[in-house]
Structures are given as C-alpha cells and as structure tokens.
C-alpha cells in the first residue's frame, strides 16, 4: 500500500522495483511519466559493475573519495544532510535525489537550489518522498528536474494534466529565463550566489 498524501516515510520504502515486466512508470519529468531504471543500493550491498544505482550520502562520499566508479552513481540526500559535501564530486554524479520526509519539511527545496545555483549542477535532481502537487512548480524553479511519484493523489493530478500555475514569484532564483518572463519590477532581483 502506498502512503497517503503528506505521510512521512523513508525514500527506500517508497521506491518500487520497476525492473519487473509491466511495471508502472513512476518517474515524472515534466510533462510525462517514465519507467525508472535506477535502483537503490543499501549500505551493506556489494558494489555493482554496471547499471544505475542510488547510494546514501555517506556511502557515496566514501566511494567517491576512495575509488573509481563502474556504474552510474546517484546520491540520496535526506533532509538534514549537507548537500554541499558533494560539491567536489558533482561531475561524477548522474542523479541526486532530494528527499521530503513530510510535505511540510522544506529542506529539500534548499538542497535543490544550492545544487542549481551555487554549483551549477547539470545532472538530474529528483524529488522523492512526501511532496504534494502544489509544490512541484516551485521545486522546478529550485532546480528539480524529475519526480519519483508514489502518492496516488499526485499521480492522479498529473495524469489529468494538472500543473498549478504560479505567475508571480516573490523570491528570486538564479534562473534567468524566469526573471525575463516575470521581471518582478516591484521586488528585488537576485544578484547571484
């Protein structure tokens, strides 16, 4: 059974094994669902020789500092973990999953924004966990490019084509395209980080 909207859970408990035949596509990249070919590797599992795997932050940092990669590396950044520790290794990381333990916990917004604006990270930034549909446009503004959709309410909204339209932003981001399209003449402008 999938969690209810906003229910706090660990990311690994929410991920499904989509390598099974007939798996439901749960990875959403605006504006379509895709089958997720990434898997989570727990802290005790042997390192694979190929494929696409997410590791926890601590194990990923150990691997990046001490070895060479034989697979596509993704890193899970839980709320409260310091995403800036990845700064020296971002060119070796294909995907970073920022996790929402509850929809009211906004630390993943900050992690995504740091990756996009301070580090100019160009890999995939994926939102996981208990976010809600109304938060998705703001997450895209902060640098999130993909969503692990496990909540049935979020999925139903996306399948209907719902995408909350936010036309006026009060907080600037480093995304110049958004500043051009919505210059916010009545508010301050971002000078960059």
N, C-alpha and C. Protein backbone atom coordinates (compact mmCIF):
# COMPACT_ATOMS: atom_id res chain seq x y z
N UNK A 1 0.84 -1.18 0.00
CA UNK A 1 0.00 0.00 0.00
C UNK A 1 0.88 1.24 0.00
N UNK A 2 0.53 2.22 -0.81
CA UNK A 2 1.30 3.45 -0.87
C UNK A 2 0.87 4.39 0.23
N UNK A 3 1.77 5.29 0.65
CA UNK A 3 1.43 6.21 1.73
C UNK A 3 0.40 7.25 1.29
N UNK A 4 -0.33 7.77 2.26
CA UNK A 4 -1.28 8.84 2.00
C UNK A 4 -0.52 10.13 1.73
N UNK A 5 -1.18 11.08 1.12
CA UNK A 5 -0.58 12.36 0.79
C UNK A 5 0.02 13.01 2.02
N UNK A 6 1.30 13.34 1.97
CA UNK A 6 1.96 14.04 3.05
C UNK A 6 2.44 13.14 4.18
N UNK A 7 2.21 11.84 4.10
CA UNK A 7 2.62 10.94 5.15
C UNK A 7 4.14 10.77 5.10
N UNK A 8 4.80 10.88 6.23
CA UNK A 8 6.26 10.77 6.28
C UNK A 8 6.72 9.33 6.15
N UNK A 9 7.65 9.08 5.24
CA UNK A 9 8.23 7.75 5.06
C UNK A 9 9.66 7.92 4.57
N UNK A 10 10.45 6.86 4.72
CA UNK A 10 11.80 6.86 4.18
C UNK A 10 11.74 6.58 2.69
N UNK A 11 12.67 7.16 1.92
CA UNK A 11 12.61 7.03 0.48
C UNK A 11 12.69 5.59 0.01
N UNK A 12 13.58 4.81 0.57
CA UNK A 12 13.74 3.42 0.16
C UNK A 12 12.47 2.60 0.32
N UNK A 13 11.63 2.98 1.29
CA UNK A 13 10.37 2.28 1.49
C UNK A 13 9.37 2.64 0.40
N UNK A 14 9.55 3.79 -0.23
CA UNK A 14 8.59 4.24 -1.24
C UNK A 14 8.94 3.75 -2.64
N UNK A 15 10.20 3.50 -2.89
CA UNK A 15 10.62 3.10 -4.23
C UNK A 15 10.08 1.72 -4.56
N UNK A 16 9.67 1.55 -5.78
CA UNK A 16 9.20 0.25 -6.25
C UNK A 16 10.23 -0.32 -7.20
N UNK A 17 10.25 -1.64 -7.32
CA UNK A 17 11.15 -2.28 -8.28
C UNK A 17 10.48 -2.23 -9.64
N UNK A 18 10.90 -1.30 -10.47
CA UNK A 18 10.27 -1.12 -11.77
C UNK A 18 10.95 -1.95 -12.86
N UNK A 19 11.89 -2.78 -12.48
CA UNK A 19 12.53 -3.64 -13.47
C UNK A 19 11.63 -4.82 -13.82
N UNK A 20 10.57 -5.05 -13.03
CA UNK A 20 9.64 -6.14 -13.32
C UNK A 20 8.84 -5.81 -14.57
N UNK A 21 8.53 -6.83 -15.33
CA UNK A 21 7.76 -6.63 -16.56
C UNK A 21 6.39 -6.04 -16.22
N UNK A 22 5.97 -5.05 -16.99
CA UNK A 22 4.69 -4.41 -16.77
C UNK A 22 4.69 -3.41 -15.63
N UNK A 23 5.85 -2.97 -15.21
CA UNK A 23 5.94 -2.04 -14.09
C UNK A 23 5.27 -0.71 -14.43
N UNK A 24 4.69 -0.11 -13.43
CA UNK A 24 4.06 1.21 -13.59
C UNK A 24 5.14 2.28 -13.62
N UNK A 25 5.05 3.17 -14.57
CA UNK A 25 6.02 4.27 -14.67
C UNK A 25 5.76 5.25 -13.53
N UNK A 26 6.75 5.49 -12.70
CA UNK A 26 6.59 6.40 -11.56
C UNK A 26 7.52 7.60 -11.61
N UNK A 27 8.43 7.65 -12.56
CA UNK A 27 9.34 8.78 -12.68
C UNK A 27 8.70 9.82 -13.59
N UNK A 28 8.47 11.00 -13.07
CA UNK A 28 7.82 12.07 -13.84
C UNK A 28 8.83 13.16 -14.14
N UNK A 29 8.98 13.41 -15.43
CA UNK A 29 9.75 14.56 -15.89
C UNK A 29 8.76 15.41 -16.67
N UNK A 30 8.65 16.66 -16.31
CA UNK A 30 7.61 17.47 -16.97
C UNK A 30 7.70 17.33 -18.48
N UNK A 31 6.74 16.79 -19.11
CA UNK A 31 5.36 16.53 -18.76
C UNK A 31 4.95 15.12 -19.12
N UNK A 32 5.69 14.12 -18.67
CA UNK A 32 5.37 12.73 -18.98
C UNK A 32 5.96 11.79 -17.92
N UNK A 33 5.32 10.63 -17.78
CA UNK A 33 5.83 9.58 -16.89
C UNK A 33 6.80 8.68 -17.65
N UNK A 34 7.79 8.15 -16.92
CA UNK A 34 8.80 7.26 -17.50
C UNK A 34 9.04 6.10 -16.53
N UNK A 35 9.50 4.97 -17.09
CA UNK A 35 9.96 3.86 -16.25
C UNK A 35 11.30 4.27 -15.66
N UNK A 36 11.46 4.05 -14.38
CA UNK A 36 12.69 4.43 -13.67
C UNK A 36 13.67 3.26 -13.71
N UNK A 37 14.82 3.46 -14.33
CA UNK A 37 15.81 2.37 -14.42
C UNK A 37 16.82 2.41 -13.27
N UNK A 38 16.65 3.34 -12.34
CA UNK A 38 17.54 3.43 -11.18
C UNK A 38 17.07 2.50 -10.08
N UNK A 39 18.04 1.98 -9.32
CA UNK A 39 17.75 1.14 -8.16
C UNK A 39 18.48 1.71 -6.95
N UNK A 40 17.99 1.37 -5.76
CA UNK A 40 18.65 1.79 -4.52
C UNK A 40 19.55 0.67 -4.04
N UNK A 41 20.77 1.02 -3.72
CA UNK A 41 21.73 0.06 -3.19
C UNK A 41 21.87 0.34 -1.70
N UNK A 42 21.54 -0.64 -0.85
CA UNK A 42 21.63 -0.37 0.58
C UNK A 42 23.07 -0.34 1.05
N UNK A 43 23.27 0.06 2.27
CA UNK A 43 24.62 0.33 2.78
C UNK A 43 25.49 -0.92 2.89
N UNK A 44 24.90 -2.10 2.90
CA UNK A 44 25.67 -3.33 3.04
C UNK A 44 25.87 -4.08 1.73
N UNK A 45 25.17 -3.69 0.68
CA UNK A 45 25.22 -4.43 -0.59
C UNK A 45 26.57 -4.25 -1.28
N UNK A 46 26.96 -5.29 -2.02
CA UNK A 46 28.19 -5.22 -2.81
C UNK A 46 28.00 -4.20 -3.93
N UNK A 47 29.09 -3.55 -4.31
CA UNK A 47 29.01 -2.56 -5.39
C UNK A 47 28.84 -3.27 -6.73
N UNK A 48 27.96 -2.77 -7.56
CA UNK A 48 27.71 -3.39 -8.87
C UNK A 48 28.81 -3.03 -9.87
N UNK A 49 28.82 -3.76 -10.97
CA UNK A 49 29.79 -3.47 -12.03
C UNK A 49 29.20 -2.60 -13.13
N UNK A 50 27.88 -2.52 -13.19
CA UNK A 50 27.24 -1.64 -14.17
C UNK A 50 25.81 -1.36 -13.71
N UNK A 51 25.13 -0.48 -14.42
CA UNK A 51 23.76 -0.12 -14.06
C UNK A 51 23.71 1.28 -13.46
N UNK A 52 22.54 1.63 -12.93
CA UNK A 52 22.30 2.94 -12.34
C UNK A 52 21.80 2.74 -10.92
N UNK A 53 22.56 3.23 -9.93
CA UNK A 53 22.24 2.97 -8.54
C UNK A 53 22.34 4.22 -7.68
N UNK A 54 21.37 4.35 -6.77
CA UNK A 54 21.42 5.38 -5.74
C UNK A 54 22.06 4.82 -4.49
N UNK A 55 22.95 5.61 -3.91
CA UNK A 55 23.57 5.28 -2.63
C UNK A 55 23.24 6.38 -1.65
N UNK A 56 23.27 6.05 -0.37
CA UNK A 56 23.13 7.07 0.66
C UNK A 56 24.33 8.01 0.61
N UNK A 57 24.18 9.19 1.17
CA UNK A 57 25.22 10.22 1.09
C UNK A 57 26.55 9.74 1.66
N UNK A 58 26.55 9.16 2.83
CA UNK A 58 27.80 8.75 3.46
C UNK A 58 28.55 7.70 2.63
N UNK A 59 27.83 6.69 2.18
CA UNK A 59 28.48 5.65 1.37
C UNK A 59 28.97 6.22 0.03
N UNK A 60 28.19 7.10 -0.57
CA UNK A 60 28.59 7.71 -1.83
C UNK A 60 29.86 8.54 -1.66
N UNK A 61 29.94 9.31 -0.59
CA UNK A 61 31.14 10.12 -0.34
C UNK A 61 32.37 9.25 -0.15
N UNK A 62 32.22 8.13 0.58
CA UNK A 62 33.35 7.20 0.76
C UNK A 62 33.80 6.64 -0.58
N UNK A 63 32.85 6.23 -1.41
CA UNK A 63 33.17 5.68 -2.72
C UNK A 63 33.84 6.71 -3.61
N UNK A 64 33.31 7.90 -3.63
CA UNK A 64 33.87 8.97 -4.48
C UNK A 64 35.28 9.36 -4.05
N UNK A 65 35.54 9.36 -2.77
CA UNK A 65 36.85 9.75 -2.26
C UNK A 65 37.90 8.65 -2.44
N UNK A 66 37.46 7.38 -2.48
CA UNK A 66 38.42 6.28 -2.46
C UNK A 66 38.43 5.37 -3.66
N UNK A 67 37.56 5.59 -4.63
CA UNK A 67 37.52 4.61 -5.71
C UNK A 67 37.09 5.19 -7.03
N UNK A 68 37.05 4.29 -7.98
CA UNK A 68 36.55 4.64 -9.30
C UNK A 68 35.19 3.99 -9.48
N UNK A 69 34.36 4.61 -10.25
CA UNK A 69 33.00 4.12 -10.44
C UNK A 69 32.90 3.22 -11.66
N UNK A 70 32.16 2.12 -11.51
CA UNK A 70 31.90 1.24 -12.64
C UNK A 70 30.42 1.23 -12.99
N UNK A 71 29.65 2.14 -12.39
CA UNK A 71 28.22 2.23 -12.63
C UNK A 71 27.81 3.70 -12.54
N UNK A 72 26.60 4.01 -13.03
CA UNK A 72 26.07 5.37 -12.91
C UNK A 72 25.68 5.60 -11.45
N UNK A 73 26.25 6.64 -10.87
CA UNK A 73 26.03 6.91 -9.45
C UNK A 73 24.95 7.96 -9.24
N UNK A 74 24.02 7.64 -8.36
CA UNK A 74 23.05 8.59 -7.85
C UNK A 74 23.22 8.68 -6.35
N UNK A 75 22.93 9.82 -5.77
CA UNK A 75 23.10 10.01 -4.33
C UNK A 75 21.78 10.45 -3.73
N UNK A 76 21.41 9.81 -2.63
CA UNK A 76 20.22 10.18 -1.88
C UNK A 76 20.63 11.18 -0.80
N UNK A 77 20.04 12.36 -0.82
CA UNK A 77 20.30 13.37 0.20
C UNK A 77 19.03 13.51 1.04
N UNK A 78 19.10 12.99 2.25
CA UNK A 78 17.96 13.09 3.15
C UNK A 78 17.88 14.48 3.75
N UNK A 79 16.70 14.83 4.23
CA UNK A 79 16.53 16.11 4.92
C UNK A 79 17.51 16.18 6.08
N UNK A 80 18.18 17.29 6.21
CA UNK A 80 19.15 17.46 7.28
C UNK A 80 20.57 17.10 6.90
N UNK A 81 20.76 16.44 5.77
CA UNK A 81 22.12 16.12 5.32
C UNK A 81 22.65 17.29 4.50
N UNK A 82 23.96 17.45 4.51
CA UNK A 82 24.62 18.59 3.88
C UNK A 82 24.97 18.28 2.43
N UNK A 83 24.16 18.80 1.50
CA UNK A 83 24.37 18.56 0.07
C UNK A 83 25.68 19.19 -0.41
N UNK A 84 26.19 20.19 0.29
CA UNK A 84 27.43 20.85 -0.15
C UNK A 84 28.64 19.92 -0.06
N UNK A 85 28.53 18.83 0.68
CA UNK A 85 29.63 17.85 0.75
C UNK A 85 29.89 17.21 -0.61
N UNK A 86 28.91 17.26 -1.50
CA UNK A 86 29.06 16.67 -2.83
C UNK A 86 29.73 17.62 -3.83
N UNK A 87 29.96 18.85 -3.44
CA UNK A 87 30.44 19.89 -4.35
C UNK A 87 31.64 19.51 -5.19
N UNK A 88 32.62 18.83 -4.61
CA UNK A 88 33.84 18.46 -5.35
C UNK A 88 33.64 17.26 -6.27
N UNK A 89 32.51 16.58 -6.18
CA UNK A 89 32.30 15.33 -6.91
C UNK A 89 31.15 15.39 -7.91
N UNK A 90 30.54 16.53 -8.09
CA UNK A 90 29.32 16.60 -8.89
C UNK A 90 29.49 16.12 -10.32
N UNK A 91 30.68 16.25 -10.88
CA UNK A 91 30.91 15.78 -12.25
C UNK A 91 30.88 14.26 -12.37
N UNK A 92 30.90 13.55 -11.24
CA UNK A 92 30.86 12.09 -11.23
C UNK A 92 29.49 11.53 -10.85
N UNK A 93 28.55 12.42 -10.56
CA UNK A 93 27.23 12.01 -10.07
C UNK A 93 26.19 12.30 -11.14
N UNK A 94 25.46 11.26 -11.56
CA UNK A 94 24.47 11.41 -12.62
C UNK A 94 23.13 11.92 -12.11
N UNK A 95 22.79 11.61 -10.86
CA UNK A 95 21.50 12.00 -10.32
C UNK A 95 21.61 12.20 -8.81
N UNK A 96 20.90 13.21 -8.31
CA UNK A 96 20.84 13.44 -6.87
C UNK A 96 19.37 13.49 -6.48
N UNK A 97 19.00 12.66 -5.52
CA UNK A 97 17.62 12.60 -5.03
C UNK A 97 17.53 13.39 -3.73
N UNK A 98 16.73 14.45 -3.74
CA UNK A 98 16.49 15.22 -2.52
C UNK A 98 15.17 14.72 -1.94
N UNK A 99 15.20 14.35 -0.67
CA UNK A 99 14.08 13.64 -0.07
C UNK A 99 13.26 14.52 0.85
N UNK A 100 11.93 14.42 0.71
CA UNK A 100 10.97 15.09 1.58
C UNK A 100 10.41 14.06 2.57
N UNK A 101 10.79 14.11 3.85
CA UNK A 101 10.19 13.17 4.82
C UNK A 101 8.74 13.52 5.11
N UNK A 102 8.36 14.77 4.91
CA UNK A 102 6.98 15.25 5.07
C UNK A 102 6.81 16.45 4.14
N UNK A 103 5.59 16.68 3.66
CA UNK A 103 5.40 17.78 2.71
C UNK A 103 5.68 19.13 3.35
N UNK A 104 5.62 19.22 4.67
CA UNK A 104 5.88 20.49 5.36
C UNK A 104 7.36 20.72 5.65
N UNK A 105 8.22 19.78 5.28
CA UNK A 105 9.67 19.91 5.52
C UNK A 105 10.32 20.41 4.24
N UNK A 106 10.73 21.68 4.22
CA UNK A 106 11.23 22.31 3.01
C UNK A 106 12.72 22.23 2.78
N UNK A 107 13.44 21.44 3.54
CA UNK A 107 14.90 21.39 3.38
C UNK A 107 15.33 20.89 2.00
N UNK A 108 14.54 20.06 1.36
CA UNK A 108 14.88 19.58 0.02
C UNK A 108 14.85 20.73 -1.00
N UNK A 109 13.98 21.73 -0.78
CA UNK A 109 13.99 22.91 -1.64
C UNK A 109 15.36 23.57 -1.60
N UNK A 110 15.90 23.74 -0.39
CA UNK A 110 17.21 24.38 -0.22
C UNK A 110 18.32 23.56 -0.86
N UNK A 111 18.28 22.26 -0.70
CA UNK A 111 19.29 21.40 -1.30
C UNK A 111 19.28 21.52 -2.82
N UNK A 112 18.09 21.46 -3.41
CA UNK A 112 17.97 21.57 -4.87
C UNK A 112 18.47 22.93 -5.35
N UNK A 113 18.13 23.97 -4.64
CA UNK A 113 18.53 25.31 -5.06
C UNK A 113 20.03 25.50 -4.96
N UNK A 114 20.65 24.96 -3.90
CA UNK A 114 22.11 25.03 -3.79
C UNK A 114 22.79 24.32 -4.96
N UNK A 115 22.28 23.14 -5.31
CA UNK A 115 22.86 22.40 -6.43
C UNK A 115 22.76 23.20 -7.72
N UNK A 116 21.63 23.81 -7.96
CA UNK A 116 21.41 24.54 -9.21
C UNK A 116 22.16 25.87 -9.25
N UNK A 117 22.11 26.64 -8.19
CA UNK A 117 22.64 27.99 -8.23
C UNK A 117 24.09 28.11 -7.78
N UNK A 118 24.46 27.47 -6.71
CA UNK A 118 25.84 27.59 -6.23
C UNK A 118 26.79 26.72 -7.04
N UNK A 119 26.34 25.51 -7.38
CA UNK A 119 27.24 24.55 -8.03
C UNK A 119 26.96 24.37 -9.52
N UNK A 120 25.92 24.96 -10.04
CA UNK A 120 25.55 24.84 -11.45
C UNK A 120 25.50 23.36 -11.87
N UNK A 121 24.97 22.52 -10.99
CA UNK A 121 24.86 21.09 -11.26
C UNK A 121 23.91 20.86 -12.42
N UNK A 122 24.33 20.10 -13.43
CA UNK A 122 23.54 19.86 -14.62
C UNK A 122 22.98 18.45 -14.71
N UNK A 123 23.27 17.62 -13.73
CA UNK A 123 22.69 16.28 -13.71
C UNK A 123 21.24 16.35 -13.25
N UNK A 124 20.63 15.20 -13.14
CA UNK A 124 19.24 15.13 -12.70
C UNK A 124 19.14 15.40 -11.20
N UNK A 125 18.22 16.27 -10.82
CA UNK A 125 17.86 16.45 -9.41
C UNK A 125 16.43 15.94 -9.29
N UNK A 126 16.26 14.96 -8.44
CA UNK A 126 14.99 14.24 -8.33
C UNK A 126 14.37 14.48 -6.95
N UNK A 127 13.10 14.84 -6.92
CA UNK A 127 12.37 14.97 -5.67
C UNK A 127 11.76 13.62 -5.33
N UNK A 128 11.90 13.21 -4.07
CA UNK A 128 11.32 11.96 -3.60
C UNK A 128 10.62 12.21 -2.28
N UNK A 129 9.73 11.33 -1.94
CA UNK A 129 9.11 11.42 -0.62
C UNK A 129 7.74 12.07 -0.66
N UNK A 130 7.42 12.79 0.40
CA UNK A 130 6.06 13.26 0.66
C UNK A 130 5.81 14.70 0.22
N UNK A 131 6.20 15.05 -0.99
CA UNK A 131 5.84 16.36 -1.54
C UNK A 131 4.42 16.28 -2.09
N UNK A 132 3.82 17.43 -2.36
CA UNK A 132 2.47 17.45 -2.92
C UNK A 132 2.50 18.15 -4.28
N UNK A 133 1.44 17.97 -5.04
CA UNK A 133 1.35 18.52 -6.39
C UNK A 133 1.58 20.03 -6.41
N UNK A 134 1.02 20.75 -5.44
CA UNK A 134 1.17 22.20 -5.42
C UNK A 134 2.61 22.66 -5.26
N UNK A 135 3.48 21.81 -4.73
CA UNK A 135 4.88 22.17 -4.54
C UNK A 135 5.73 21.96 -5.80
N UNK A 136 5.24 21.19 -6.74
CA UNK A 136 6.07 20.79 -7.88
C UNK A 136 6.55 21.96 -8.75
N UNK A 137 5.72 22.96 -9.08
CA UNK A 137 6.25 24.08 -9.86
C UNK A 137 7.38 24.84 -9.13
N UNK A 138 7.25 24.97 -7.81
CA UNK A 138 8.31 25.64 -7.05
C UNK A 138 9.58 24.79 -7.01
N UNK A 139 9.40 23.48 -6.95
CA UNK A 139 10.57 22.59 -6.98
C UNK A 139 11.30 22.71 -8.31
N UNK A 140 10.56 22.80 -9.41
CA UNK A 140 11.20 23.00 -10.72
C UNK A 140 11.98 24.32 -10.72
N UNK A 141 11.42 25.37 -10.15
CA UNK A 141 12.11 26.66 -10.07
C UNK A 141 13.42 26.54 -9.27
N UNK A 142 13.44 25.63 -8.29
CA UNK A 142 14.63 25.46 -7.46
C UNK A 142 15.65 24.51 -8.08
N UNK A 143 15.34 23.90 -9.22
CA UNK A 143 16.31 23.05 -9.90
C UNK A 143 15.94 21.59 -10.01
N UNK A 144 14.79 21.17 -9.49
CA UNK A 144 14.39 19.77 -9.61
C UNK A 144 13.95 19.50 -11.04
N UNK A 145 14.44 18.39 -11.60
CA UNK A 145 14.13 18.07 -12.99
C UNK A 145 13.33 16.78 -13.14
N UNK A 146 13.15 16.02 -12.04
CA UNK A 146 12.40 14.77 -12.09
C UNK A 146 11.76 14.51 -10.73
N UNK A 147 10.69 13.73 -10.74
CA UNK A 147 9.95 13.44 -9.52
C UNK A 147 9.66 11.95 -9.44
N UNK A 148 9.96 11.35 -8.29
CA UNK A 148 9.56 9.98 -8.02
C UNK A 148 8.14 10.06 -7.46
N UNK A 149 7.15 9.73 -8.27
CA UNK A 149 5.75 9.91 -7.90
C UNK A 149 5.22 8.60 -7.32
N UNK A 150 5.00 8.59 -6.02
CA UNK A 150 4.42 7.44 -5.34
C UNK A 150 3.06 7.75 -4.75
N UNK A 151 2.76 9.01 -4.52
CA UNK A 151 1.50 9.42 -3.93
C UNK A 151 0.39 9.32 -4.98
N UNK A 152 -0.68 8.56 -4.71
CA UNK A 152 -1.74 8.41 -5.71
C UNK A 152 -2.46 9.72 -6.04
N UNK A 153 -2.52 10.64 -5.10
CA UNK A 153 -3.17 11.93 -5.37
C UNK A 153 -2.33 12.77 -6.33
N UNK A 154 -1.02 12.76 -6.15
CA UNK A 154 -0.13 13.49 -7.06
C UNK A 154 -0.20 12.87 -8.45
N UNK A 155 -0.14 11.55 -8.50
CA UNK A 155 -0.21 10.85 -9.79
C UNK A 155 -1.51 11.17 -10.52
N UNK A 156 -2.62 11.11 -9.82
CA UNK A 156 -3.92 11.37 -10.45
C UNK A 156 -3.96 12.80 -11.00
N UNK A 157 -3.45 13.75 -10.26
CA UNK A 157 -3.42 15.13 -10.73
C UNK A 157 -2.57 15.29 -11.98
N UNK A 158 -1.40 14.67 -11.99
CA UNK A 158 -0.52 14.77 -13.16
C UNK A 158 -1.13 14.08 -14.37
N UNK A 159 -1.78 12.95 -14.15
CA UNK A 159 -2.43 12.25 -15.26
C UNK A 159 -3.59 13.06 -15.86
N UNK A 160 -4.22 13.88 -15.03
CA UNK A 160 -5.29 14.77 -15.51
C UNK A 160 -4.71 16.00 -16.22
N UNK A 161 -3.41 16.20 -16.10
CA UNK A 161 -2.78 17.38 -16.70
C UNK A 161 -2.72 18.57 -15.77
N UNK A 162 -3.00 18.36 -14.49
CA UNK A 162 -2.93 19.45 -13.52
C UNK A 162 -1.48 19.86 -13.32
N UNK A 163 -1.25 21.14 -13.34
CA UNK A 163 0.06 21.71 -13.00
C UNK A 163 -0.24 23.09 -12.45
N UNK A 164 -0.15 23.26 -11.13
CA UNK A 164 -0.52 24.54 -10.53
C UNK A 164 0.25 25.69 -11.17
N UNK A 165 -0.50 26.67 -11.64
CA UNK A 165 0.10 27.81 -12.33
C UNK A 165 0.41 28.90 -11.32
N UNK A 166 1.70 29.20 -11.17
CA UNK A 166 2.13 30.26 -10.28
C UNK A 166 2.74 31.34 -11.17
N UNK A 167 2.09 32.47 -11.26
CA UNK A 167 2.53 33.51 -12.20
C UNK A 167 3.35 34.61 -11.56
N UNK A 168 3.23 34.81 -10.27
CA UNK A 168 4.01 35.85 -9.59
C UNK A 168 4.85 35.22 -8.50
N UNK A 169 6.16 35.43 -8.60
CA UNK A 169 7.09 34.89 -7.63
C UNK A 169 7.64 36.02 -6.78
N UNK A 170 7.70 35.79 -5.48
CA UNK A 170 8.25 36.80 -4.60
C UNK A 170 9.73 36.58 -4.32
N UNK A 171 10.16 35.34 -4.42
CA UNK A 171 11.55 35.02 -4.12
C UNK A 171 12.31 34.78 -5.42
N UNK A 172 13.40 35.51 -5.65
CA UNK A 172 14.16 35.31 -6.88
C UNK A 172 14.93 34.00 -6.86
N UNK A 173 15.21 33.47 -8.04
CA UNK A 173 16.10 32.33 -8.19
C UNK A 173 17.16 32.71 -9.20
N UNK A 174 18.13 31.86 -9.39
CA UNK A 174 19.18 32.13 -10.35
C UNK A 174 18.79 31.77 -11.77
N UNK A 175 17.55 31.38 -11.99
CA UNK A 175 17.10 31.01 -13.32
C UNK A 175 16.77 32.27 -14.11
N UNK A 176 17.66 32.67 -14.99
CA UNK A 176 17.48 33.92 -15.74
C UNK A 176 16.25 33.89 -16.63
N UNK A 177 15.89 32.73 -17.17
CA UNK A 177 14.72 32.64 -18.03
C UNK A 177 13.46 33.08 -17.28
N UNK A 178 13.34 32.65 -16.04
CA UNK A 178 12.18 33.03 -15.26
C UNK A 178 12.19 34.53 -14.95
N UNK A 179 13.36 35.10 -14.75
CA UNK A 179 13.43 36.54 -14.49
C UNK A 179 13.03 37.34 -15.72
N UNK A 180 13.38 36.85 -16.90
CA UNK A 180 13.00 37.54 -18.13
C UNK A 180 11.49 37.44 -18.34
N UNK A 181 10.93 36.26 -18.11
CA UNK A 181 9.50 36.06 -18.32
C UNK A 181 8.64 36.73 -17.25
N UNK A 182 9.18 36.95 -16.09
CA UNK A 182 8.45 37.57 -14.98
C UNK A 182 9.41 38.49 -14.25
N UNK A 183 9.63 39.71 -14.75
CA UNK A 183 10.69 40.56 -14.22
C UNK A 183 10.48 41.09 -12.81
N UNK A 184 9.30 40.91 -12.24
CA UNK A 184 9.00 41.35 -10.88
C UNK A 184 9.51 42.77 -10.63
N UNK A 185 9.04 43.78 -11.32
CA UNK A 185 9.55 45.13 -11.15
C UNK A 185 9.31 45.68 -9.75
N UNK A 186 8.36 45.13 -9.03
CA UNK A 186 8.03 45.63 -7.70
C UNK A 186 8.86 44.98 -6.60
N UNK A 187 9.72 44.00 -6.95
CA UNK A 187 10.51 43.30 -5.95
C UNK A 187 12.00 43.35 -6.29
N UNK A 188 12.80 42.96 -5.32
CA UNK A 188 14.25 42.93 -5.53
C UNK A 188 14.61 41.84 -6.54
N UNK A 189 15.78 41.96 -7.11
CA UNK A 189 16.27 40.98 -8.07
C UNK A 189 17.44 40.23 -7.47
N UNK A 190 17.58 38.98 -7.88
CA UNK A 190 18.68 38.16 -7.42
C UNK A 190 19.98 38.67 -8.07
N UNK A 191 21.03 38.77 -7.27
CA UNK A 191 22.32 39.18 -7.80
C UNK A 191 23.24 37.98 -7.97
N UNK A 192 22.72 36.77 -7.70
CA UNK A 192 23.50 35.54 -7.85
C UNK A 192 24.19 35.19 -6.56
N UNK A 193 24.58 33.95 -6.46
CA UNK A 193 25.25 33.45 -5.25
C UNK A 193 26.71 33.26 -5.48
